[in-house]
């Protein structure tokens, strides 16, 4: 650990107990707390070397109902910063919104000290972290809630089914080619471009072209969002998903997304 670069760490936290707890946890690590915090005036970038890693740890309670908007704003101010959100409870929609706005991690305030430090190390390495157990439980519940809807859907009249079929054709995922669908599944399993290229026996440049096409068709910005988009559509049980939607499949795909993120 001694050869690791120190990480300038700025807290955004109104809760005094949480703030002091974080200071204690990070005191003997490479995460060096900045004297200022995000609850005060904007911290100037000139106060540290741009080459030094920067980590922002945000208490979700600091911006009630506006976490995603503030993450986006902070990313505009500190483009090279990594952002981790600490939340009192797990909310799937809030987590997705945080990631889509540029967050790199979503952790629960109940996370153990050692686990939290490991999460932060992974974030600095460029990984995206989140509470996998809570995530899998959430999408499993979604799968169970979908069962009644599926049964009701099976009783619709033929005319209604035809209308649904027309809507299916307009869904973004239906515009994907068979090859793009294969690559999207690889992204959900966290496979890098080289691995995907070997698996599909194509050039790595071809994989990059397909990924760009996938991002454009499903209207997302990066491969992480593409994986989350796919899981969201699978979990949503919409007719636009070409894969099976069983609860078991959802749990397996959630585990895969953890790797992709």
C-alpha atoms as a PDB file:
ATOM      1  CA  UNK A   1       0.000   0.000   0.000  1.00  0.00           C
ATOM      2  CA  UNK A   2       2.964   2.347   0.612  1.00  0.00           C
ATOM      3  CA  UNK A   3       3.578   2.784  -3.125  1.00  0.00           C
ATOM      4  CA  UNK A   4       0.023   3.925  -3.835  1.00  0.00           C
ATOM      5  CA  UNK A   5      -0.598   7.569  -4.665  1.00  0.00           C
ATOM      6  CA  UNK A   6      -2.389   9.608  -1.998  1.00  0.00           C
ATOM      7  CA  UNK A   7      -5.949  10.545  -2.939  1.00  0.00           C
ATOM      8  CA  UNK A   8      -7.282  14.001  -2.159  1.00  0.00           C
ATOM      9  CA  UNK A   9     -10.671  13.308  -0.593  1.00  0.00           C
ATOM     10  CA  UNK A  10     -13.422  15.854  -0.095  1.00  0.00           C
ATOM     11  CA  UNK A  11     -16.527  15.106   1.955  1.00  0.00           C
ATOM     12  CA  UNK A  12     -20.003  16.414   1.301  1.00  0.00           C
ATOM     13  CA  UNK A  13     -21.819  15.650   4.515  1.00  0.00           C
ATOM     14  CA  UNK A  14     -24.079  17.615   6.894  1.00  0.00           C
ATOM     15  CA  UNK A  15     -24.295  14.814   9.460  1.00  0.00           C
ATOM     16  CA  UNK A  16     -21.566  15.480  12.044  1.00  0.00           C
ATOM     17  CA  UNK A  17     -21.478  11.869  13.262  1.00  0.00           C
ATOM     18  CA  UNK A  18     -21.138  10.484   9.745  1.00  0.00           C
ATOM     19  CA  UNK A  19     -18.467  13.033   8.873  1.00  0.00           C
ATOM     20  CA  UNK A  20     -16.410  12.253  11.977  1.00  0.00           C
ATOM     21  CA  UNK A  21     -16.859   8.533  11.385  1.00  0.00           C
ATOM     22  CA  UNK A  22     -15.518   8.855   7.835  1.00  0.00           C
ATOM     23  CA  UNK A  23     -12.577  10.914   9.056  1.00  0.00           C
ATOM     24  CA  UNK A  24     -11.705   8.195  11.553  1.00  0.00           C
ATOM     25  CA  UNK A  25     -12.064   5.383   8.997  1.00  0.00           C
ATOM     26  CA  UNK A  26      -9.901   7.160   6.427  1.00  0.00           C
ATOM     27  CA  UNK A  27      -7.309   8.559   8.847  1.00  0.00           C
ATOM     28  CA  UNK A  28      -4.801   5.715   8.357  1.00  0.00           C
ATOM     29  CA  UNK A  29      -5.400   5.214   4.627  1.00  0.00           C
ATOM     30  CA  UNK A  30      -4.172   6.903   1.459  1.00  0.00           C
ATOM     31  CA  UNK A  31      -7.412   8.916   1.299  1.00  0.00           C
ATOM     32  CA  UNK A  32      -6.260  12.289   2.599  1.00  0.00           C
ATOM     33  CA  UNK A  33      -9.113  14.532   3.667  1.00  0.00           C
ATOM     34  CA  UNK A  34      -9.188  18.054   2.311  1.00  0.00           C
ATOM     35  CA  UNK A  35      -9.696  20.724   5.002  1.00  0.00           C
ATOM     36  CA  UNK A  36     -12.732  22.109   3.177  1.00  0.00           C
ATOM     37  CA  UNK A  37     -15.893  20.224   2.312  1.00  0.00           C
ATOM     38  CA  UNK A  38     -18.688  20.397  -0.247  1.00  0.00           C
ATOM     39  CA  UNK A  39     -21.156  21.913   2.210  1.00  0.00           C
ATOM     40  CA  UNK A  40     -19.214  25.182   2.011  1.00  0.00           C
ATOM     41  CA  UNK A  41     -18.120  27.330  -0.895  1.00  0.00           C
ATOM     42  CA  UNK A  42     -16.808  25.607  -3.995  1.00  0.00           C
ATOM     43  CA  UNK A  43     -13.318  24.181  -3.472  1.00  0.00           C
ATOM     44  CA  UNK A  44     -10.907  25.595  -6.027  1.00  0.00           C
ATOM     45  CA  UNK A  45      -9.124  23.126  -8.241  1.00  0.00           C
ATOM     46  CA  UNK A  46      -5.898  25.133  -7.964  1.00  0.00           C
ATOM     47  CA  UNK A  47      -5.491  23.907  -4.385  1.00  0.00           C
ATOM     48  CA  UNK A  48      -4.189  20.510  -5.534  1.00  0.00           C
ATOM     49  CA  UNK A  49      -2.196  19.049  -8.379  1.00  0.00           C
ATOM     50  CA  UNK A  50      -4.415  17.949 -11.246  1.00  0.00           C
ATOM     51  CA  UNK A  51      -2.312  14.778 -11.479  1.00  0.00           C
ATOM     52  CA  UNK A  52      -3.350  13.818  -7.957  1.00  0.00           C
ATOM     53  CA  UNK A  53      -6.416  11.556  -7.793  1.00  0.00           C
ATOM     54  CA  UNK A  54      -9.494  13.335  -6.454  1.00  0.00           C
ATOM     55  CA  UNK A  55     -12.367  11.618  -4.652  1.00  0.00           C
ATOM     56  CA  UNK A  56     -15.669  13.220  -3.661  1.00  0.00           C
ATOM     57  CA  UNK A  57     -17.763  11.364  -1.074  1.00  0.00           C
ATOM     58  CA  UNK A  58     -21.347  12.622  -0.977  1.00  0.00           C
ATOM     59  CA  UNK A  59     -23.954  11.982   1.681  1.00  0.00           C
ATOM     60  CA  UNK A  60     -27.225  11.444  -0.236  1.00  0.00           C
ATOM     61  CA  UNK A  61     -29.011  13.412   2.492  1.00  0.00           C
ATOM     62  CA  UNK A  62     -26.985  16.489   1.583  1.00  0.00           C
ATOM     63  CA  UNK A  63     -29.090  16.966  -1.555  1.00  0.00           C
ATOM     64  CA  UNK A  64     -32.594  15.569  -0.799  1.00  0.00           C
ATOM     65  CA  UNK A  65     -34.238  14.664  -4.106  1.00  0.00           C
ATOM     66  CA  UNK A  66     -31.444  16.340  -6.090  1.00  0.00           C
ATOM     67  CA  UNK A  67     -28.515  13.938  -5.779  1.00  0.00           C
ATOM     68  CA  UNK A  68     -28.309  13.182  -9.513  1.00  0.00           C
ATOM     69  CA  UNK A  69     -28.429  16.870 -10.480  1.00  0.00           C
ATOM     70  CA  UNK A  70     -25.648  17.739  -8.040  1.00  0.00           C
ATOM     71  CA  UNK A  71     -23.486  14.834  -9.197  1.00  0.00           C
ATOM     72  CA  UNK A  72     -23.775  16.118 -12.751  1.00  0.00           C
ATOM     73  CA  UNK A  73     -22.872  19.639 -11.579  1.00  0.00           C
ATOM     74  CA  UNK A  74     -19.844  18.396  -9.640  1.00  0.00           C
ATOM     75  CA  UNK A  75     -18.670  16.434 -12.677  1.00  0.00           C
ATOM     76  CA  UNK A  76     -18.754  19.656 -14.681  1.00  0.00           C
ATOM     77  CA  UNK A  77     -16.646  21.410 -12.043  1.00  0.00           C
ATOM     78  CA  UNK A  78     -14.232  18.550 -11.302  1.00  0.00           C
ATOM     79  CA  UNK A  79     -14.120  16.467 -14.462  1.00  0.00           C
ATOM     80  CA  UNK A  80     -11.294  14.208 -13.259  1.00  0.00           C
ATOM     81  CA  UNK A  81     -12.902  13.476  -9.879  1.00  0.00           C
ATOM     82  CA  UNK A  82     -14.336  10.133  -8.805  1.00  0.00           C
ATOM     83  CA  UNK A  83     -17.665  10.430  -6.996  1.00  0.00           C
ATOM     84  CA  UNK A  84     -19.085   8.011  -4.429  1.00  0.00           C
ATOM     85  CA  UNK A  85     -22.577   8.398  -2.952  1.00  0.00           C
ATOM     86  CA  UNK A  86     -23.306   7.246   0.599  1.00  0.00           C
ATOM     87  CA  UNK A  87     -26.971   6.458   1.188  1.00  0.00           C
ATOM     88  CA  UNK A  88     -28.850   5.450   4.350  1.00  0.00           C
ATOM     89  CA  UNK A  89     -30.946   2.951   2.372  1.00  0.00           C
ATOM     90  CA  UNK A  90     -30.920   1.303  -1.035  1.00  0.00           C
ATOM     91  CA  UNK A  91     -33.105   2.716  -3.791  1.00  0.00           C
ATOM     92  CA  UNK A  92     -32.696   1.181  -7.251  1.00  0.00           C
ATOM     93  CA  UNK A  93     -33.975   4.225  -9.139  1.00  0.00           C
ATOM     94  CA  UNK A  94     -31.794   6.628  -7.135  1.00  0.00           C
ATOM     95  CA  UNK A  95     -28.755   4.443  -7.774  1.00  0.00           C
ATOM     96  CA  UNK A  96     -29.422   4.313 -11.530  1.00  0.00           C
ATOM     97  CA  UNK A  97     -29.912   8.085 -11.630  1.00  0.00           C
ATOM     98  CA  UNK A  98     -26.641   8.605  -9.735  1.00  0.00           C
ATOM     99  CA  UNK A  99     -24.681   6.421 -12.169  1.00  0.00           C
ATOM    100  CA  UNK A 100     -26.297   8.031 -15.201  1.00  0.00           C
ATOM    101  CA  UNK A 101     -25.264  11.441 -13.852  1.00  0.00           C
ATOM    102  CA  UNK A 102     -21.633  10.388 -13.510  1.00  0.00           C
ATOM    103  CA  UNK A 103     -21.237   8.724 -10.098  1.00  0.00           C
ATOM    104  CA  UNK A 104     -18.600   6.007  -9.802  1.00  0.00           C
ATOM    105  CA  UNK A 105     -19.880   4.334  -6.658  1.00  0.00           C
ATOM    106  CA  UNK A 106     -23.051   3.926  -4.608  1.00  0.00           C
ATOM    107  CA  UNK A 107     -22.540   2.584  -1.074  1.00  0.00           C
ATOM    108  CA  UNK A 108     -24.714   2.173   1.981  1.00  0.00           C
ATOM    109  CA  UNK A 109     -23.812   4.098   5.119  1.00  0.00           C
ATOM    110  CA  UNK A 110     -23.937   0.763   6.947  1.00  0.00           C
ATOM    111  CA  UNK A 111     -21.013  -0.623   4.932  1.00  0.00           C
ATOM    112  CA  UNK A 112     -18.195  -1.965   7.129  1.00  0.00           C
ATOM    113  CA  UNK A 113     -14.970   0.016   7.462  1.00  0.00           C
ATOM    114  CA  UNK A 114     -12.710  -2.411   5.602  1.00  0.00           C
ATOM    115  CA  UNK A 115     -15.279  -2.980   2.860  1.00  0.00           C
ATOM    116  CA  UNK A 116     -15.727   0.764   2.362  1.00  0.00           C
ATOM    117  CA  UNK A 117     -11.989   1.307   1.952  1.00  0.00           C
ATOM    118  CA  UNK A 118     -11.820  -1.527  -0.587  1.00  0.00           C
ATOM    119  CA  UNK A 119     -14.761   0.012  -2.470  1.00  0.00           C
ATOM    120  CA  UNK A 120     -12.973   3.370  -2.591  1.00  0.00           C
ATOM    121  CA  UNK A 121      -9.774   1.714  -3.829  1.00  0.00           C
ATOM    122  CA  UNK A 122     -11.745   0.071  -6.639  1.00  0.00           C
ATOM    123  CA  UNK A 123     -13.340   3.378  -7.596  1.00  0.00           C
ATOM    124  CA  UNK A 124      -9.921   5.041  -7.843  1.00  0.00           C
ATOM    125  CA  UNK A 125      -8.833   2.175 -10.111  1.00  0.00           C
ATOM    126  CA  UNK A 126     -11.698   3.052 -12.447  1.00  0.00           C
ATOM    127  CA  UNK A 127     -14.248   0.481 -11.314  1.00  0.00           C
ATOM    128  CA  UNK A 128     -17.889   1.186 -10.471  1.00  0.00           C
ATOM    129  CA  UNK A 129     -19.130  -0.242  -7.177  1.00  0.00           C
ATOM    130  CA  UNK A 130     -22.532  -0.734  -5.589  1.00  0.00           C
ATOM    131  CA  UNK A 131     -24.129  -3.008  -2.935  1.00  0.00           C
ATOM    132  CA  UNK A 132     -24.629  -6.171  -4.982  1.00  0.00           C
ATOM    133  CA  UNK A 133     -26.760  -7.986  -2.380  1.00  0.00           C
ATOM    134  CA  UNK A 134     -29.238  -5.102  -2.152  1.00  0.00           C
ATOM    135  CA  UNK A 135     -29.243  -4.750  -5.947  1.00  0.00           C
ATOM    136  CA  UNK A 136     -29.996  -8.434  -6.530  1.00  0.00           C
ATOM    137  CA  UNK A 137     -32.737  -8.349  -3.902  1.00  0.00           C
ATOM    138  CA  UNK A 138     -34.314  -5.332  -5.613  1.00  0.00           C
ATOM    139  CA  UNK A 139     -34.405  -6.838  -9.097  1.00  0.00           C
ATOM    140  CA  UNK A 140     -35.593 -10.157  -7.663  1.00  0.00           C
ATOM    141  CA  UNK A 141     -38.554  -8.324  -6.099  1.00  0.00           C
ATOM    142  CA  UNK A 142     -39.212  -6.650  -9.432  1.00  0.00           C
ATOM    143  CA  UNK A 143     -39.283 -10.063 -11.076  1.00  0.00           C
ATOM    144  CA  UNK A 144     -41.836 -11.334  -8.552  1.00  0.00           C
ATOM    145  CA  UNK A 145     -44.007  -8.254  -9.023  1.00  0.00           C
ATOM    146  CA  UNK A 146     -44.011  -8.851 -12.772  1.00  0.00           C
ATOM    147  CA  UNK A 147     -45.604 -12.292 -12.567  1.00  0.00           C
ATOM    148  CA  UNK A 148     -49.223 -11.023 -12.176  1.00  0.00           C
ATOM    149  CA  UNK A 149     -48.644  -8.566 -15.016  1.00  0.00           C
ATOM    150  CA  UNK A 150     -47.427 -11.376 -17.252  1.00  0.00           C
ATOM    151  CA  UNK A 151     -50.499 -13.473 -16.490  1.00  0.00           C
ATOM    152  CA  UNK A 152     -52.798 -10.541 -17.233  1.00  0.00           C
ATOM    153  CA  UNK A 153     -50.927  -9.879 -20.462  1.00  0.00           C
ATOM    154  CA  UNK A 154     -51.535 -13.472 -21.578  1.00  0.00           C
ATOM    155  CA  UNK A 155     -55.318 -12.905 -21.467  1.00  0.00           C
ATOM    156  CA  UNK A 156     -55.362  -9.877 -23.777  1.00  0.00           C
ATOM    157  CA  UNK A 157     -57.386 -10.012 -27.002  1.00  0.00           C
ATOM    158  CA  UNK A 158     -55.710 -10.674 -30.346  1.00  0.00           C
ATOM    159  CA  UNK A 159     -56.158  -7.053 -31.393  1.00  0.00           C
ATOM    160  CA  UNK A 160     -54.382  -5.878 -28.259  1.00  0.00           C
ATOM    161  CA  UNK A 161     -51.569  -8.332 -28.907  1.00  0.00           C
ATOM    162  CA  UNK A 162     -51.195  -6.976 -32.438  1.00  0.00           C
ATOM    163  CA  UNK A 163     -50.916  -3.460 -31.073  1.00  0.00           C
ATOM    164  CA  UNK A 164     -48.253  -4.589 -28.620  1.00  0.00           C
ATOM    165  CA  UNK A 165     -46.410  -6.313 -31.442  1.00  0.00           C
ATOM    166  CA  UNK A 166     -46.317  -3.044 -33.392  1.00  0.00           C
ATOM    167  CA  UNK A 167     -44.902  -1.247 -30.367  1.00  0.00           C
ATOM    168  CA  UNK A 168     -42.258  -3.945 -29.997  1.00  0.00           C
ATOM    169  CA  UNK A 169     -40.954  -3.159 -33.462  1.00  0.00           C
ATOM    170  CA  UNK A 170     -40.386   0.464 -32.416  1.00  0.00           C
ATOM    171  CA  UNK A 171     -38.432  -0.435 -29.276  1.00  0.00           C
ATOM    172  CA  UNK A 172     -34.718   0.513 -29.397  1.00  0.00           C
ATOM    173  CA  UNK A 173     -33.533  -2.969 -28.489  1.00  0.00           C
ATOM    174  CA  UNK A 174     -35.421  -4.371 -31.498  1.00  0.00           C
ATOM    175  CA  UNK A 175     -33.181  -2.291 -33.748  1.00  0.00           C
ATOM    176  CA  UNK A 176     -30.108  -4.196 -32.591  1.00  0.00           C
ATOM    177  CA  UNK A 177     -28.650  -6.758 -34.956  1.00  0.00           C
ATOM    178  CA  UNK A 178     -27.997 -10.301 -33.771  1.00  0.00           C
ATOM    179  CA  UNK A 179     -24.283  -9.485 -33.454  1.00  0.00           C
ATOM    180  CA  UNK A 180     -24.985  -6.330 -31.461  1.00  0.00           C
ATOM    181  CA  UNK A 181     -27.257  -8.308 -29.136  1.00  0.00           C
ATOM    182  CA  UNK A 182     -24.420 -10.799 -28.556  1.00  0.00           C
ATOM    183  CA  UNK A 183     -22.020  -7.985 -27.740  1.00  0.00           C
ATOM    184  CA  UNK A 184     -24.534  -6.358 -25.388  1.00  0.00           C
ATOM    185  CA  UNK A 185     -24.744  -9.607 -23.435  1.00  0.00           C
ATOM    186  CA  UNK A 186     -20.935  -9.709 -23.277  1.00  0.00           C
ATOM    187  CA  UNK A 187     -20.936  -6.158 -21.887  1.00  0.00           C
ATOM    188  CA  UNK A 188     -23.359  -7.274 -19.181  1.00  0.00           C
ATOM    189  CA  UNK A 189     -20.821  -9.921 -18.184  1.00  0.00           C
ATOM    190  CA  UNK A 190     -18.092  -7.295 -17.917  1.00  0.00           C
ATOM    191  CA  UNK A 191     -16.072  -8.593 -20.859  1.00  0.00           C
ATOM    192  CA  UNK A 192     -13.469  -6.152 -22.268  1.00  0.00           C
ATOM    193  CA  UNK A 193     -13.230  -5.578 -26.009  1.00  0.00           C
ATOM    194  CA  UNK A 194     -10.354  -8.005 -26.487  1.00  0.00           C
ATOM    195  CA  UNK A 195     -12.259 -10.826 -24.818  1.00  0.00           C
ATOM    196  CA  UNK A 196     -15.384 -10.072 -26.853  1.00  0.00           C
ATOM    197  CA  UNK A 197     -13.326 -10.054 -30.061  1.00  0.00           C
ATOM    198  CA  UNK A 198     -11.822 -13.466 -29.264  1.00  0.00           C
ATOM    199  CA  UNK A 199     -15.183 -14.931 -28.294  1.00  0.00           C
ATOM    200  CA  UNK A 200     -16.907 -13.770 -31.470  1.00  0.00           C
ATOM    201  CA  UNK A 201     -13.828 -14.280 -33.663  1.00  0.00           C
ATOM    202  CA  UNK A 202     -13.812 -10.726 -34.977  1.00  0.00           C
ATOM    203  CA  UNK A 203     -11.326  -7.858 -34.902  1.00  0.00           C
ATOM    204  CA  UNK A 204     -11.250  -5.647 -31.802  1.00  0.00           C
ATOM    205  CA  UNK A 205     -11.896  -2.643 -34.042  1.00  0.00           C
ATOM    206  CA  UNK A 206     -15.102  -4.334 -35.226  1.00  0.00           C
ATOM    207  CA  UNK A 207     -16.218  -4.751 -31.621  1.00  0.00           C
ATOM    208  CA  UNK A 208     -15.649  -1.035 -30.997  1.00  0.00           C
ATOM    209  CA  UNK A 209     -17.770  -0.154 -34.029  1.00  0.00           C
ATOM    210  CA  UNK A 210     -20.595  -2.407 -32.809  1.00  0.00           C
ATOM    211  CA  UNK A 211     -20.441  -0.926 -29.295  1.00  0.00           C
ATOM    212  CA  UNK A 212     -20.715   2.593 -30.695  1.00  0.00           C
ATOM    213  CA  UNK A 213     -23.748   1.479 -32.687  1.00  0.00           C
ATOM    214  CA  UNK A 214     -25.310  -0.098 -29.589  1.00  0.00           C
ATOM    215  CA  UNK A 215     -24.803   3.072 -27.510  1.00  0.00           C
ATOM    216  CA  UNK A 216     -26.354   5.159 -30.286  1.00  0.00           C
ATOM    217  CA  UNK A 217     -29.374   2.887 -30.753  1.00  0.00           C
ATOM    218  CA  UNK A 218     -30.271   2.594 -27.072  1.00  0.00           C
ATOM    219  CA  UNK A 219     -29.294   6.219 -26.433  1.00  0.00           C
ATOM    220  CA  UNK A 220     -26.759   5.862 -23.621  1.00  0.00           C
ATOM    221  CA  UNK A 221     -23.305   7.378 -23.139  1.00  0.00           C
ATOM    222  CA  UNK A 222     -21.080   4.454 -22.162  1.00  0.00           C
ATOM    223  CA  UNK A 223     -20.857   0.667 -21.756  1.00  0.00           C
ATOM    224  CA  UNK A 224     -21.768   0.800 -18.049  1.00  0.00           C
ATOM    225  CA  UNK A 225     -24.996   2.613 -18.834  1.00  0.00           C
ATOM    226  CA  UNK A 226     -25.631   0.137 -21.656  1.00  0.00           C
ATOM    227  CA  UNK A 227     -25.394  -2.794 -19.223  1.00  0.00           C
ATOM    228  CA  UNK A 228     -27.701  -1.041 -16.738  1.00  0.00           C
ATOM    229  CA  UNK A 229     -30.115  -0.141 -19.552  1.00  0.00           C
ATOM    230  CA  UNK A 230     -30.336  -3.775 -20.608  1.00  0.00           C
ATOM    231  CA  UNK A 231     -30.912  -5.023 -17.064  1.00  0.00           C
ATOM    232  CA  UNK A 232     -33.525  -2.339 -16.526  1.00  0.00           C
ATOM    233  CA  UNK A 233     -35.407  -3.432 -19.630  1.00  0.00           C
ATOM    234  CA  UNK A 234     -35.124  -7.089 -18.711  1.00  0.00           C
ATOM    235  CA  UNK A 235     -36.284  -6.359 -15.174  1.00  0.00           C
ATOM    236  CA  UNK A 236     -39.070  -4.122 -16.477  1.00  0.00           C
ATOM    237  CA  UNK A 237     -40.514  -7.155 -18.193  1.00  0.00           C
ATOM    238  CA  UNK A 238     -41.298  -5.173 -21.291  1.00  0.00           C
ATOM    239  CA  UNK A 239     -42.103  -7.018 -24.500  1.00  0.00           C
ATOM    240  CA  UNK A 240     -39.084  -5.303 -26.040  1.00  0.00           C
ATOM    241  CA  UNK A 241     -36.641  -7.614 -24.258  1.00  0.00           C
ATOM    242  CA  UNK A 242     -35.598 -10.534 -26.462  1.00  0.00           C
ATOM    243  CA  UNK A 243     -34.335 -12.568 -23.505  1.00  0.00           C
ATOM    244  CA  UNK A 244     -36.201 -14.584 -20.887  1.00  0.00           C
ATOM    245  CA  UNK A 245     -37.478 -12.665 -17.860  1.00  0.00           C
ATOM    246  CA  UNK A 246     -37.689 -15.282 -15.109  1.00  0.00           C
ATOM    247  CA  UNK A 247     -36.712 -14.278 -11.556  1.00  0.00           C
ATOM    248  CA  UNK A 248     -33.787 -16.681 -11.749  1.00  0.00           C
ATOM    249  CA  UNK A 249     -32.592 -15.058 -14.960  1.00  0.00           C
ATOM    250  CA  UNK A 250     -32.893 -11.597 -13.428  1.00  0.00           C
ATOM    251  CA  UNK A 251     -30.744 -12.601 -10.455  1.00  0.00           C
ATOM    252  CA  UNK A 252     -28.116 -14.071 -12.754  1.00  0.00           C
ATOM    253  CA  UNK A 253     -28.088 -10.951 -14.901  1.00  0.00           C
ATOM    254  CA  UNK A 254     -27.792  -8.754 -11.800  1.00  0.00           C
ATOM    255  CA  UNK A 255     -24.719 -10.712 -10.754  1.00  0.00           C
ATOM    256  CA  UNK A 256     -23.316 -10.225 -14.230  1.00  0.00           C
ATOM    257  CA  UNK A 257     -23.981  -6.484 -14.110  1.00  0.00           C
ATOM    258  CA  UNK A 258     -21.920  -6.247 -10.934  1.00  0.00           C
ATOM    259  CA  UNK A 259     -18.944  -7.412 -13.002  1.00  0.00           C
ATOM    260  CA  UNK A 260     -19.809  -5.142 -15.919  1.00  0.00           C
ATOM    261  CA  UNK A 261     -19.926  -2.111 -13.654  1.00  0.00           C
END
